[in-house]
Amino acid sequence: MSSLPDTSGKAPFEQPRNAERTLLAILLVVGSTVFFAGGDVGAKLMKETAPAQLATWFRYLIFFLVAIPWALWSRGLSAFRPASYRLQIGRGLAAVASTSFFVLGLAYLDVPSNTAIHFISPIIVMVLSVFVLGELVGIRRWLAAAVGFAGVLLIVRPGTDSFQLAALLPLGSATAWALGALFTRLMKHEPTEVTFMWTGIVGLGVSTLLVVPVFYVPTGLELAYGIGGSLSFTLAHMLFISGLKLAPLSLLAPITYVQLISAGILSYLFFGNLPSYHTLLGSALIAGSGLYSAHRERIRQRTPAMPVPPVQ
């Protein structure tokens, strides 16, 4: 879970110049997709023997432990005074709901399918922007949204023997993340590190309440999966945010779809699962619709209103 960039803050990487900055930004975002997928693999491995609440709590615990020092180093104590507490809390609640649905979905679906369905979130953002923010959307972007939704239906395949109600979990995750993206847009001038920190604060608070009824001391293997996956997830966010400080979101947003490839490769390496034909084709439709929507948004304005990769 992250936000639109604020270029006035410090980044954990020294900023080179011109073309080198753009190349480094692209490499950072590509790297972030690998670590996002790695975080999902860690959560799925832990979820095989542990409840989803425990996997989610580990994710936010590590996230919190990294976010607090980073925000204090970048912003000092002013990081605890956001421009809007209500918007930060609202975004944090949406983010933890998105993560909870996503991790629960990993118990029933493979990583590529779960990831592909979640990537419908930019389309949901567009739809919510029309009805919540009153934005105008042209017919071509509506058609792109229809193509993306067709991709989800192709993966889910309702009405067939392959349909699982669990497919609604990553769809719920995408919807919650889209709501979080709307909060992010309303806080577009808030420093990135501040939003990063408050996401950790709210996420850890809520996930702690949820984990209490099922909490137990995890086994050594569960602990390794939980910490490893959570570190991977947190590092992915830091890489992506660092990339946003070097190049515009309009350039980097399409690259986030590399995560669909990363998820497929890691799923095969760890679980021996190859994405089905329906998942591959559905993923292509979802990615294509998202890329076209990003292109149209880039034409409409220089800073596209797309959410950053999902905070699962």
C-alpha atoms as a PDB file:
ATOM      1  CA  MET A   1       0.000   0.000   0.000  1.00  0.00           C
ATOM      2  CA  SER A   2       1.674   3.479  -1.098  1.00  0.00           C
ATOM      3  CA  SER A   3       0.711   6.765  -2.701  1.00  0.00           C
ATOM      4  CA  LEU A   4       1.427   9.279  -5.388  1.00  0.00           C
ATOM      5  CA  PRO A   5       4.935  10.670  -5.036  1.00  0.00           C
ATOM      6  CA  ASP A   6       6.142  13.760  -3.300  1.00  0.00           C
ATOM      7  CA  THR A   7       9.452  14.683  -4.853  1.00  0.00           C
ATOM      8  CA  SER A   8      10.522  16.964  -2.034  1.00  0.00           C
ATOM      9  CA  GLY A   9      11.327  14.149   0.382  1.00  0.00           C
ATOM     10  CA  LYS A  10      14.444  12.080   0.698  1.00  0.00           C
ATOM     11  CA  ALA A  11      14.618   8.775  -1.158  1.00  0.00           C
ATOM     12  CA  PRO A  12      16.599   5.763  -0.047  1.00  0.00           C
ATOM     13  CA  PHE A  13      18.548   5.900  -3.302  1.00  0.00           C
ATOM     14  CA  GLU A  14      20.786   8.686  -4.540  1.00  0.00           C
ATOM     15  CA  GLN A  15      19.248  10.364  -7.572  1.00  0.00           C
ATOM     16  CA  PRO A  16      21.280  10.349 -10.793  1.00  0.00           C
ATOM     17  CA  ARG A  17      20.373  12.546 -13.741  1.00  0.00           C
ATOM     18  CA  ASN A  18      18.362  12.576 -16.949  1.00  0.00           C
ATOM     19  CA  ALA A  19      18.267   9.275 -18.882  1.00  0.00           C
ATOM     20  CA  GLU A  20      20.057   7.421 -16.100  1.00  0.00           C
ATOM     21  CA  ARG A  21      17.308   8.424 -13.684  1.00  0.00           C
ATOM     22  CA  THR A  22      14.631   7.072 -16.004  1.00  0.00           C
ATOM     23  CA  LEU A  23      16.490   3.801 -16.552  1.00  0.00           C
ATOM     24  CA  LEU A  24      17.037   3.357 -12.815  1.00  0.00           C
ATOM     25  CA  ALA A  25      13.343   4.124 -12.161  1.00  0.00           C
ATOM     26  CA  ILE A  26      12.283   1.429 -14.624  1.00  0.00           C
ATOM     27  CA  LEU A  27      14.671  -1.094 -13.076  1.00  0.00           C
ATOM     28  CA  LEU A  28      13.395  -0.261  -9.588  1.00  0.00           C
ATOM     29  CA  VAL A  29       9.782  -0.790 -10.624  1.00  0.00           C
ATOM     30  CA  VAL A  30      10.578  -4.055 -12.397  1.00  0.00           C
ATOM     31  CA  GLY A  31      12.375  -5.158  -9.241  1.00  0.00           C
ATOM     32  CA  SER A  32       9.387  -4.148  -7.140  1.00  0.00           C
ATOM     33  CA  THR A  33       7.111  -6.446  -9.169  1.00  0.00           C
ATOM     34  CA  VAL A  34       9.367  -9.398  -8.343  1.00  0.00           C
ATOM     35  CA  PHE A  35       9.314  -8.591  -4.628  1.00  0.00           C
ATOM     36  CA  PHE A  36       5.546  -7.961  -4.635  1.00  0.00           C
ATOM     37  CA  ALA A  37       5.085 -11.417  -6.135  1.00  0.00           C
ATOM     38  CA  GLY A  38       7.605 -12.802  -3.631  1.00  0.00           C
ATOM     39  CA  GLY A  39       5.570 -11.332  -0.782  1.00  0.00           C
ATOM     40  CA  ASP A  40       2.462 -13.042  -2.134  1.00  0.00           C
ATOM     41  CA  VAL A  41       4.280 -16.371  -2.390  1.00  0.00           C
ATOM     42  CA  GLY A  42       5.432 -16.012   1.238  1.00  0.00           C
ATOM     43  CA  ALA A  43       1.862 -15.259   2.353  1.00  0.00           C
ATOM     44  CA  LYS A  44       0.508 -18.268   0.462  1.00  0.00           C
ATOM     45  CA  LEU A  45       3.152 -20.568   1.944  1.00  0.00           C
ATOM     46  CA  MET A  46       2.324 -19.330   5.446  1.00  0.00           C
ATOM     47  CA  LYS A  47      -1.417 -19.553   4.771  1.00  0.00           C
ATOM     48  CA  GLU A  48      -1.113 -23.287   4.099  1.00  0.00           C
ATOM     49  CA  THR A  49      -0.800 -23.927   7.857  1.00  0.00           C
ATOM     50  CA  ALA A  50      -1.640 -20.588   9.505  1.00  0.00           C
ATOM     51  CA  PRO A  51      -4.805 -18.439   9.492  1.00  0.00           C
ATOM     52  CA  ALA A  52      -5.011 -15.522   7.072  1.00  0.00           C
ATOM     53  CA  GLN A  53      -5.193 -13.079  10.004  1.00  0.00           C
ATOM     54  CA  LEU A  54      -1.742 -14.144  11.177  1.00  0.00           C
ATOM     55  CA  ALA A  55      -0.218 -13.785   7.707  1.00  0.00           C
ATOM     56  CA  THR A  56      -1.783 -10.324   7.354  1.00  0.00           C
ATOM     57  CA  TRP A  57      -0.576  -9.274  10.805  1.00  0.00           C
ATOM     58  CA  PHE A  58       3.016 -10.277   9.994  1.00  0.00           C
ATOM     59  CA  ARG A  59       2.853  -8.247   6.794  1.00  0.00           C
ATOM     60  CA  TYR A  60       1.792  -5.095   8.623  1.00  0.00           C
ATOM     61  CA  LEU A  61       4.146  -5.641  11.546  1.00  0.00           C
ATOM     62  CA  ILE A  62       7.184  -5.633   9.256  1.00  0.00           C
ATOM     63  CA  PHE A  63       5.696  -2.817   7.201  1.00  0.00           C
ATOM     64  CA  PHE A  64       5.210  -0.736  10.363  1.00  0.00           C
ATOM     65  CA  LEU A  65       8.743  -1.405  11.641  1.00  0.00           C
ATOM     66  CA  VAL A  66      10.183  -0.129   8.365  1.00  0.00           C
ATOM     67  CA  ALA A  67       7.723   2.720   7.719  1.00  0.00           C
ATOM     68  CA  ILE A  68       8.154   4.487  11.072  1.00  0.00           C
ATOM     69  CA  PRO A  69      11.969   4.971  10.898  1.00  0.00           C
ATOM     70  CA  TRP A  70      11.787   5.936   7.221  1.00  0.00           C
ATOM     71  CA  ALA A  71       9.097   8.570   7.840  1.00  0.00           C
ATOM     72  CA  LEU A  72      10.918   9.981  10.873  1.00  0.00           C
ATOM     73  CA  TRP A  73      14.210  10.114   8.958  1.00  0.00           C
ATOM     74  CA  SER A  74      12.532  11.878   6.031  1.00  0.00           C
ATOM     75  CA  ARG A  75      10.045  14.128   7.815  1.00  0.00           C
ATOM     76  CA  GLY A  76      10.803  14.117  11.499  1.00  0.00           C
ATOM     77  CA  LEU A  77       7.976  14.345  14.009  1.00  0.00           C
ATOM     78  CA  SER A  78       5.880  16.247  11.458  1.00  0.00           C
ATOM     79  CA  ALA A  79       5.125  12.839   9.906  1.00  0.00           C
ATOM     80  CA  PHE A  80       2.701  12.272  12.791  1.00  0.00           C
ATOM     81  CA  ARG A  81       0.726  15.368  11.739  1.00  0.00           C
ATOM     82  CA  PRO A  82      -0.829  14.589   8.328  1.00  0.00           C
ATOM     83  CA  ALA A  83      -2.902  17.132   6.456  1.00  0.00           C
ATOM     84  CA  SER A  84      -6.005  15.011   7.119  1.00  0.00           C
ATOM     85  CA  TYR A  85      -6.251  12.323   9.781  1.00  0.00           C
ATOM     86  CA  ARG A  86      -9.607  11.150   8.430  1.00  0.00           C
ATOM     87  CA  LEU A  87      -8.297  10.611   4.905  1.00  0.00           C
ATOM     88  CA  GLN A  88      -5.202   8.807   6.185  1.00  0.00           C
ATOM     89  CA  ILE A  89      -7.285   6.539   8.411  1.00  0.00           C
ATOM     90  CA  GLY A  90      -9.760   5.919   5.598  1.00  0.00           C
ATOM     91  CA  ARG A  91      -6.960   4.982   3.239  1.00  0.00           C
ATOM     92  CA  GLY A  92      -5.365   2.762   5.867  1.00  0.00           C
ATOM     93  CA  LEU A  93      -8.647   0.911   6.472  1.00  0.00           C
ATOM     94  CA  ALA A  94      -9.114   0.385   2.744  1.00  0.00           C
ATOM     95  CA  ALA A  95      -5.546  -0.899   2.457  1.00  0.00           C
ATOM     96  CA  VAL A  96      -5.864  -3.416   5.298  1.00  0.00           C
ATOM     97  CA  ALA A  97      -9.190  -4.627   3.897  1.00  0.00           C
ATOM     98  CA  SER A  98      -7.525  -5.098   0.512  1.00  0.00           C
ATOM     99  CA  THR A  99      -4.643  -7.029   2.065  1.00  0.00           C
ATOM    100  CA  SER A 100      -6.967  -9.234   4.133  1.00  0.00           C
ATOM    101  CA  PHE A 101      -9.116 -10.196   1.149  1.00  0.00           C
ATOM    102  CA  PHE A 102      -6.044 -10.832  -0.999  1.00  0.00           C
ATOM    103  CA  VAL A 103      -4.266 -13.038   1.548  1.00  0.00           C
ATOM    104  CA  LEU A 104      -7.471 -14.988   2.199  1.00  0.00           C
ATOM    105  CA  GLY A 105      -7.834 -15.499  -1.546  1.00  0.00           C
ATOM    106  CA  LEU A 106      -4.380 -17.069  -1.655  1.00  0.00           C
ATOM    107  CA  ALA A 107      -5.733 -19.949   0.415  1.00  0.00           C
ATOM    108  CA  TYR A 108      -7.987 -21.001  -2.478  1.00  0.00           C
ATOM    109  CA  LEU A 109      -6.458 -19.608  -5.679  1.00  0.00           C
ATOM    110  CA  ASP A 110      -3.012 -19.786  -7.196  1.00  0.00           C
ATOM    111  CA  VAL A 111      -0.840 -16.669  -7.050  1.00  0.00           C
ATOM    112  CA  PRO A 112      -1.153 -15.759 -10.786  1.00  0.00           C
ATOM    113  CA  SER A 113      -4.971 -15.929 -10.781  1.00  0.00           C
ATOM    114  CA  ASN A 114      -5.248 -14.003  -7.513  1.00  0.00           C
ATOM    115  CA  THR A 115      -2.852 -11.351  -8.820  1.00  0.00           C
ATOM    116  CA  ALA A 116      -4.519 -11.050 -12.222  1.00  0.00           C
ATOM    117  CA  ILE A 117      -7.996 -10.515 -10.743  1.00  0.00           C
ATOM    118  CA  HIS A 118      -6.600  -7.935  -8.325  1.00  0.00           C
ATOM    119  CA  PHE A 119      -5.136  -5.979 -11.250  1.00  0.00           C
ATOM    120  CA  ILE A 120      -8.651  -4.977 -12.263  1.00  0.00           C
ATOM    121  CA  SER A 121      -8.315  -2.265  -9.572  1.00  0.00           C
ATOM    122  CA  PRO A 122      -7.337   0.545 -12.018  1.00  0.00           C
ATOM    123  CA  ILE A 123     -10.587  -0.068 -13.885  1.00  0.00           C
ATOM    124  CA  ILE A 124     -12.561   0.016 -10.627  1.00  0.00           C
ATOM    125  CA  VAL A 125     -10.804   3.295  -9.771  1.00  0.00           C
ATOM    126  CA  MET A 126     -12.008   4.727 -13.070  1.00  0.00           C
ATOM    127  CA  VAL A 127     -15.605   3.660 -12.407  1.00  0.00           C
ATOM    128  CA  LEU A 128     -15.561   5.011  -8.845  1.00  0.00           C
ATOM    129  CA  SER A 129     -14.044   8.270 -10.096  1.00  0.00           C
ATOM    130  CA  VAL A 130     -17.101   8.758 -12.291  1.00  0.00           C
ATOM    131  CA  PHE A 131     -19.689   8.117  -9.583  1.00  0.00           C
ATOM    132  CA  VAL A 132     -17.819   9.455  -6.536  1.00  0.00           C
ATOM    133  CA  LEU A 133     -15.683  12.285  -7.911  1.00  0.00           C
ATOM    134  CA  GLY A 134     -17.881  13.177 -10.886  1.00  0.00           C
ATOM    135  CA  GLU A 135     -15.091  12.759 -13.440  1.00  0.00           C
ATOM    136  CA  LEU A 136     -15.886  12.404 -17.130  1.00  0.00           C
ATOM    137  CA  VAL A 137     -14.776   9.255 -18.923  1.00  0.00           C
ATOM    138  CA  GLY A 138     -14.913   8.769 -22.690  1.00  0.00           C
ATOM    139  CA  ILE A 139     -16.399   5.829 -24.551  1.00  0.00           C
ATOM    140  CA  ARG A 140     -12.973   4.355 -25.340  1.00  0.00           C
ATOM    141  CA  ARG A 141     -12.051   4.039 -21.680  1.00  0.00           C
ATOM    142  CA  TRP A 142     -15.444   2.470 -20.935  1.00  0.00           C
ATOM    143  CA  LEU A 143     -14.728  -0.070 -23.676  1.00  0.00           C
ATOM    144  CA  ALA A 144     -11.307  -0.709 -22.138  1.00  0.00           C
ATOM    145  CA  ALA A 145     -13.028  -1.297 -18.787  1.00  0.00           C
ATOM    146  CA  ALA A 146     -15.369  -3.805 -20.437  1.00  0.00           C
ATOM    147  CA  VAL A 147     -12.381  -5.662 -21.890  1.00  0.00           C
ATOM    148  CA  GLY A 148     -10.726  -5.788 -18.474  1.00  0.00           C
ATOM    149  CA  PHE A 149     -13.892  -7.120 -16.883  1.00  0.00           C
ATOM    150  CA  ALA A 150     -14.128  -9.735 -19.628  1.00  0.00           C
ATOM    151  CA  GLY A 151     -10.611 -10.794 -18.636  1.00  0.00           C
ATOM    152  CA  VAL A 152     -11.749 -11.298 -15.041  1.00  0.00           C
ATOM    153  CA  LEU A 153     -14.747 -13.353 -16.193  1.00  0.00           C
ATOM    154  CA  LEU A 154     -12.430 -15.477 -18.315  1.00  0.00           C
ATOM    155  CA  ILE A 155     -10.313 -16.296 -15.256  1.00  0.00           C
ATOM    156  CA  VAL A 156     -13.255 -16.762 -12.890  1.00  0.00           C
ATOM    157  CA  ARG A 157     -15.494 -18.545 -15.435  1.00  0.00           C
ATOM    158  CA  PRO A 158     -18.846 -18.211 -13.623  1.00  0.00           C
ATOM    159  CA  GLY A 159     -21.387 -20.883 -14.523  1.00  0.00           C
ATOM    160  CA  THR A 160     -18.744 -23.557 -15.112  1.00  0.00           C
ATOM    161  CA  ASP A 161     -17.406 -26.340 -12.920  1.00  0.00           C
ATOM    162  CA  SER A 162     -14.173 -24.353 -12.548  1.00  0.00           C
ATOM    163  CA  PHE A 163     -15.914 -21.419 -10.850  1.00  0.00           C
ATOM    164  CA  GLN A 164     -14.975 -20.766  -7.228  1.00  0.00           C
ATOM    165  CA  LEU A 165     -16.681 -18.279  -4.941  1.00  0.00           C
ATOM    166  CA  ALA A 166     -13.166 -17.619  -3.613  1.00  0.00           C
ATOM    167  CA  ALA A 167     -12.521 -15.667  -6.824  1.00  0.00           C
ATOM    168  CA  LEU A 168     -14.641 -12.915  -5.276  1.00  0.00           C
ATOM    169  CA  LEU A 169     -11.939 -12.405  -2.626  1.00  0.00           C
ATOM    170  CA  PRO A 170      -9.297 -10.828  -4.913  1.00  0.00           C
ATOM    171  CA  LEU A 171     -12.131  -8.903  -6.568  1.00  0.00           C
ATOM    172  CA  GLY A 172     -13.055  -7.548  -3.132  1.00  0.00           C
ATOM    173  CA  SER A 173      -9.377  -6.804  -2.570  1.00  0.00           C
ATOM    174  CA  ALA A 174      -9.242  -4.836  -5.824  1.00  0.00           C
ATOM    175  CA  THR A 175     -12.375  -2.881  -4.873  1.00  0.00           C
ATOM    176  CA  ALA A 176     -10.997  -2.000  -1.442  1.00  0.00           C
ATOM    177  CA  TRP A 177      -7.699  -0.926  -2.977  1.00  0.00           C
ATOM    178  CA  ALA A 178      -9.565   1.223  -5.501  1.00  0.00           C
ATOM    179  CA  LEU A 179     -11.287   2.996  -2.601  1.00  0.00           C
ATOM    180  CA  GLY A 180      -7.852   3.511  -1.058  1.00  0.00           C
ATOM    181  CA  ALA A 181      -6.656   4.996  -4.342  1.00  0.00           C
ATOM    182  CA  LEU A 182      -9.469   7.546  -4.207  1.00  0.00           C
ATOM    183  CA  PHE A 183      -8.334   8.576  -0.724  1.00  0.00           C
ATOM    184  CA  THR A 184      -4.798   8.846  -2.105  1.00  0.00           C
ATOM    185  CA  ARG A 185      -5.980  11.165  -4.860  1.00  0.00           C
ATOM    186  CA  LEU A 186      -7.678  13.386  -2.301  1.00  0.00           C
ATOM    187  CA  MET A 187      -4.311  13.572  -0.474  1.00  0.00           C
ATOM    188  CA  LYS A 188      -2.135  14.106  -3.551  1.00  0.00           C
ATOM    189  CA  HIS A 189      -0.067  16.793  -1.835  1.00  0.00           C
ATOM    190  CA  GLU A 190       0.641  14.648   1.231  1.00  0.00           C
ATOM    191  CA  PRO A 191       4.299  13.509   1.401  1.00  0.00           C
ATOM    192  CA  THR A 192       4.729   9.890   0.388  1.00  0.00           C
ATOM    193  CA  GLU A 193       6.575   8.889   3.551  1.00  0.00           C
ATOM    194  CA  VAL A 194       3.752  10.265   5.719  1.00  0.00           C
ATOM    195  CA  THR A 195       1.128   8.198   3.898  1.00  0.00           C
ATOM    196  CA  PHE A 196       3.461   5.197   3.977  1.00  0.00           C
ATOM    197  CA  MET A 197       3.780   5.522   7.756  1.00  0.00           C
ATOM    198  CA  TRP A 198       0.075   6.031   8.428  1.00  0.00           C
ATOM    199  CA  THR A 199      -0.768   3.021   6.288  1.00  0.00           C
ATOM    200  CA  GLY A 200       1.510   1.025   8.574  1.00  0.00           C
ATOM    201  CA  ILE A 201      -0.013   2.484  11.744  1.00  0.00           C
ATOM    202  CA  VAL A 202      -3.633   1.842  10.739  1.00  0.00           C
ATOM    203  CA  GLY A 203      -2.829  -1.524   9.177  1.00  0.00           C
ATOM    204  CA  LEU A 204      -0.987  -2.817  12.224  1.00  0.00           C
ATOM    205  CA  GLY A 205      -3.714  -1.571  14.566  1.00  0.00           C
ATOM    206  CA  VAL A 206      -6.557  -3.222  12.654  1.00  0.00           C
ATOM    207  CA  SER A 207      -4.673  -6.442  11.873  1.00  0.00           C
ATOM    208  CA  THR A 208      -3.715  -6.778  15.555  1.00  0.00           C
ATOM    209  CA  LEU A 209      -7.378  -6.622  16.566  1.00  0.00           C
ATOM    210  CA  LEU A 210      -8.223  -9.256  13.946  1.00  0.00           C
ATOM    211  CA  VAL A 211      -5.403 -11.621  14.886  1.00  0.00           C
ATOM    212  CA  VAL A 212      -6.049 -11.704  18.645  1.00  0.00           C
ATOM    213  CA  PRO A 213      -8.804 -14.403  18.534  1.00  0.00           C
ATOM    214  CA  VAL A 214      -6.653 -16.782  16.460  1.00  0.00           C
ATOM    215  CA  PHE A 215      -3.144 -15.835  17.555  1.00  0.00           C
ATOM    216  CA  TYR A 216      -0.614 -18.509  18.502  1.00  0.00           C
ATOM    217  CA  VAL A 217       3.160 -18.702  18.451  1.00  0.00           C
ATOM    218  CA  PRO A 218       3.985 -19.705  14.871  1.00  0.00           C
ATOM    219  CA  THR A 219       6.270 -22.597  14.043  1.00  0.00           C
ATOM    220  CA  GLY A 220       9.785 -21.914  12.800  1.00  0.00           C
ATOM    221  CA  LEU A 221       8.742 -22.501   9.191  1.00  0.00           C
ATOM    222  CA  GLU A 222       5.671 -20.291   9.498  1.00  0.00           C
ATOM    223  CA  LEU A 223       7.826 -17.589  11.045  1.00  0.00           C
ATOM    224  CA  ALA A 224      10.301 -17.824   8.170  1.00  0.00           C
ATOM    225  CA  TYR A 225       7.519 -17.563   5.585  1.00  0.00           C
ATOM    226  CA  GLY A 226       5.836 -14.704   7.434  1.00  0.00           C
ATOM    227  CA  ILE A 227       8.961 -12.613   7.941  1.00  0.00           C
ATOM    228  CA  GLY A 228      10.423 -13.406   4.514  1.00  0.00           C
ATOM    229  CA  GLY A 229       7.217 -12.628   2.641  1.00  0.00           C
ATOM    230  CA  SER A 230       6.581  -9.468   4.657  1.00  0.00           C
ATOM    231  CA  LEU A 231      10.119  -8.171   4.098  1.00  0.00           C
ATOM    232  CA  SER A 232       9.733  -8.849   0.383  1.00  0.00           C
ATOM    233  CA  PHE A 233       6.404  -7.001   0.341  1.00  0.00           C
ATOM    234  CA  THR A 234       7.826  -3.992   2.217  1.00  0.00           C
ATOM    235  CA  LEU A 235      10.948  -3.830   0.062  1.00  0.00           C
ATOM    236  CA  ALA A 236       8.718  -3.886  -3.020  1.00  0.00           C
ATOM    237  CA  HIS A 237       6.949  -0.757  -1.796  1.00  0.00           C
ATOM    238  CA  MET A 238      10.224   1.020  -1.101  1.00  0.00           C
ATOM    239  CA  LEU A 239      11.563   0.143  -4.554  1.00  0.00           C
ATOM    240  CA  PHE A 240       8.394   1.365  -6.229  1.00  0.00           C
ATOM    241  CA  ILE A 241       8.265   4.610  -4.267  1.00  0.00           C
ATOM    242  CA  SER A 242      11.951   5.195  -5.017  1.00  0.00           C
ATOM    243  CA  GLY A 243      11.198   4.710  -8.704  1.00  0.00           C
ATOM    244  CA  LEU A 244       8.376   7.250  -8.513  1.00  0.00           C
ATOM    245  CA  LYS A 245      10.842   9.807  -7.214  1.00  0.00           C
ATOM    246  CA  LEU A 246      12.964   9.387 -10.350  1.00  0.00           C
ATOM    247  CA  ALA A 247      10.347   9.240 -13.126  1.00  0.00           C
ATOM    248  CA  PRO A 248       6.666  10.141 -13.600  1.00  0.00           C
ATOM    249  CA  LEU A 249       3.869   7.715 -12.795  1.00  0.00           C
ATOM    250  CA  SER A 250       2.619   8.005 -16.390  1.00  0.00           C
ATOM    251  CA  LEU A 251       5.814   6.261 -17.501  1.00  0.00           C
ATOM    252  CA  LEU A 252       6.026   3.702 -14.711  1.00  0.00           C
ATOM    253  CA  ALA A 253       2.387   2.615 -14.242  1.00  0.00           C
ATOM    254  CA  PRO A 254       2.310   0.306 -17.298  1.00  0.00           C
ATOM    255  CA  ILE A 255       5.466  -1.451 -16.092  1.00  0.00           C
ATOM    256  CA  THR A 256       3.639  -2.659 -12.984  1.00  0.00           C
ATOM    257  CA  TYR A 257       1.933  -5.300 -15.139  1.00  0.00           C
ATOM    258  CA  VAL A 258       5.260  -7.136 -15.194  1.00  0.00           C
ATOM    259  CA  GLN A 259       4.041  -8.440 -11.834  1.00  0.00           C
ATOM    260  CA  LEU A 260       1.727 -10.787 -13.713  1.00  0.00           C
ATOM    261  CA  ILE A 261       4.816 -12.417 -15.212  1.00  0.00           C
ATOM    262  CA  SER A 262       6.705 -12.410 -11.906  1.00  0.00           C
ATOM    263  CA  ALA A 263       3.751 -14.066 -10.168  1.00  0.00           C
ATOM    264  CA  GLY A 264       3.602 -16.792 -12.809  1.00  0.00           C
ATOM    265  CA  ILE A 265       7.323 -17.566 -12.622  1.00  0.00           C
ATOM    266  CA  LEU A 266       7.503 -17.630  -8.816  1.00  0.00           C
ATOM    267  CA  SER A 267       4.315 -19.679  -8.572  1.00  0.00           C
ATOM    268  CA  TYR A 268       5.889 -22.286 -10.829  1.00  0.00           C
ATOM    269  CA  LEU A 269       9.194 -22.282  -8.917  1.00  0.00           C
ATOM    270  CA  PHE A 270       7.597 -22.632  -5.471  1.00  0.00           C
ATOM    271  CA  PHE A 271       4.411 -24.599  -6.181  1.00  0.00           C
ATOM    272  CA  GLY A 272       4.992 -26.189  -9.582  1.00  0.00           C
ATOM    273  CA  ASN A 273       1.864 -24.451 -10.880  1.00  0.00           C
ATOM    274  CA  LEU A 274       1.693 -23.216 -14.442  1.00  0.00           C
ATOM    275  CA  PRO A 275      -1.027 -20.614 -15.177  1.00  0.00           C
ATOM    276  CA  SER A 276      -3.940 -22.082 -17.105  1.00  0.00           C
ATOM    277  CA  TYR A 277      -4.822 -20.978 -20.618  1.00  0.00           C
ATOM    278  CA  HIS A 278      -7.793 -19.062 -19.233  1.00  0.00           C
ATOM    279  CA  THR A 279      -5.603 -17.280 -16.661  1.00  0.00           C
ATOM    280  CA  LEU A 280      -3.037 -16.316 -19.308  1.00  0.00           C
ATOM    281  CA  LEU A 281      -5.623 -14.979 -21.736  1.00  0.00           C
ATOM    282  CA  GLY A 282      -7.598 -13.243 -18.987  1.00  0.00           C
ATOM    283  CA  SER A 283      -4.403 -11.661 -17.660  1.00  0.00           C
ATOM    284  CA  ALA A 284      -3.578 -10.391 -21.146  1.00  0.00           C
ATOM    285  CA  LEU A 285      -7.020  -8.768 -21.437  1.00  0.00           C
ATOM    286  CA  ILE A 286      -6.759  -7.176 -17.989  1.00  0.00           C
ATOM    287  CA  ALA A 287      -3.240  -5.892 -18.673  1.00  0.00           C
ATOM    288  CA  GLY A 288      -4.229  -4.621 -22.111  1.00  0.00           C
ATOM    289  CA  SER A 289      -7.228  -2.728 -20.756  1.00  0.00           C
ATOM    290  CA  GLY A 290      -5.128  -1.246 -17.962  1.00  0.00           C
ATOM    291  CA  LEU A 291      -2.376  -0.169 -20.345  1.00  0.00           C
ATOM    292  CA  TYR A 292      -4.870   1.454 -22.696  1.00  0.00           C
ATOM    293  CA  SER A 293      -6.607   3.241 -19.821  1.00  0.00           C
ATOM    294  CA  ALA A 294      -3.233   4.526 -18.638  1.00  0.00           C
ATOM    295  CA  HIS A 295      -2.503   5.729 -22.166  1.00  0.00           C
ATOM    296  CA  ARG A 296      -5.812   7.584 -22.402  1.00  0.00           C
ATOM    297  CA  GLU A 297      -5.317   9.082 -18.951  1.00  0.00           C
ATOM    298  CA  ARG A 298      -1.833  10.215 -19.933  1.00  0.00           C
ATOM    299  CA  ILE A 299      -3.322  12.009 -22.907  1.00  0.00           C
ATOM    300  CA  ARG A 300      -5.996  13.609 -20.729  1.00  0.00           C
ATOM    301  CA  GLN A 301      -3.539  14.856 -18.126  1.00  0.00           C
ATOM    302  CA  ARG A 302       0.146  14.495 -17.453  1.00  0.00           C
ATOM    303  CA  THR A 303      -0.253  12.792 -14.056  1.00  0.00           C
ATOM    304  CA  PRO A 304      -2.552   9.784 -14.495  1.00  0.00           C
ATOM    305  CA  ALA A 305      -4.977   8.881 -11.754  1.00  0.00           C
ATOM    306  CA  MET A 306      -3.927   5.244 -11.530  1.00  0.00           C
ATOM    307  CA  PRO A 307      -3.257   3.483  -8.249  1.00  0.00           C
ATOM    308  CA  VAL A 308       0.170   2.119  -7.607  1.00  0.00           C
ATOM    309  CA  PRO A 309       0.612  -1.682  -7.385  1.00  0.00           C
ATOM    310  CA  PRO A 310      -1.677  -3.430  -4.977  1.00  0.00           C
ATOM    311  CA  VAL A 311      -0.822  -3.552  -1.318  1.00  0.00           C
ATOM    312  CA  GLN A 312      -1.895  -7.086  -0.804  1.00  0.00           C
END
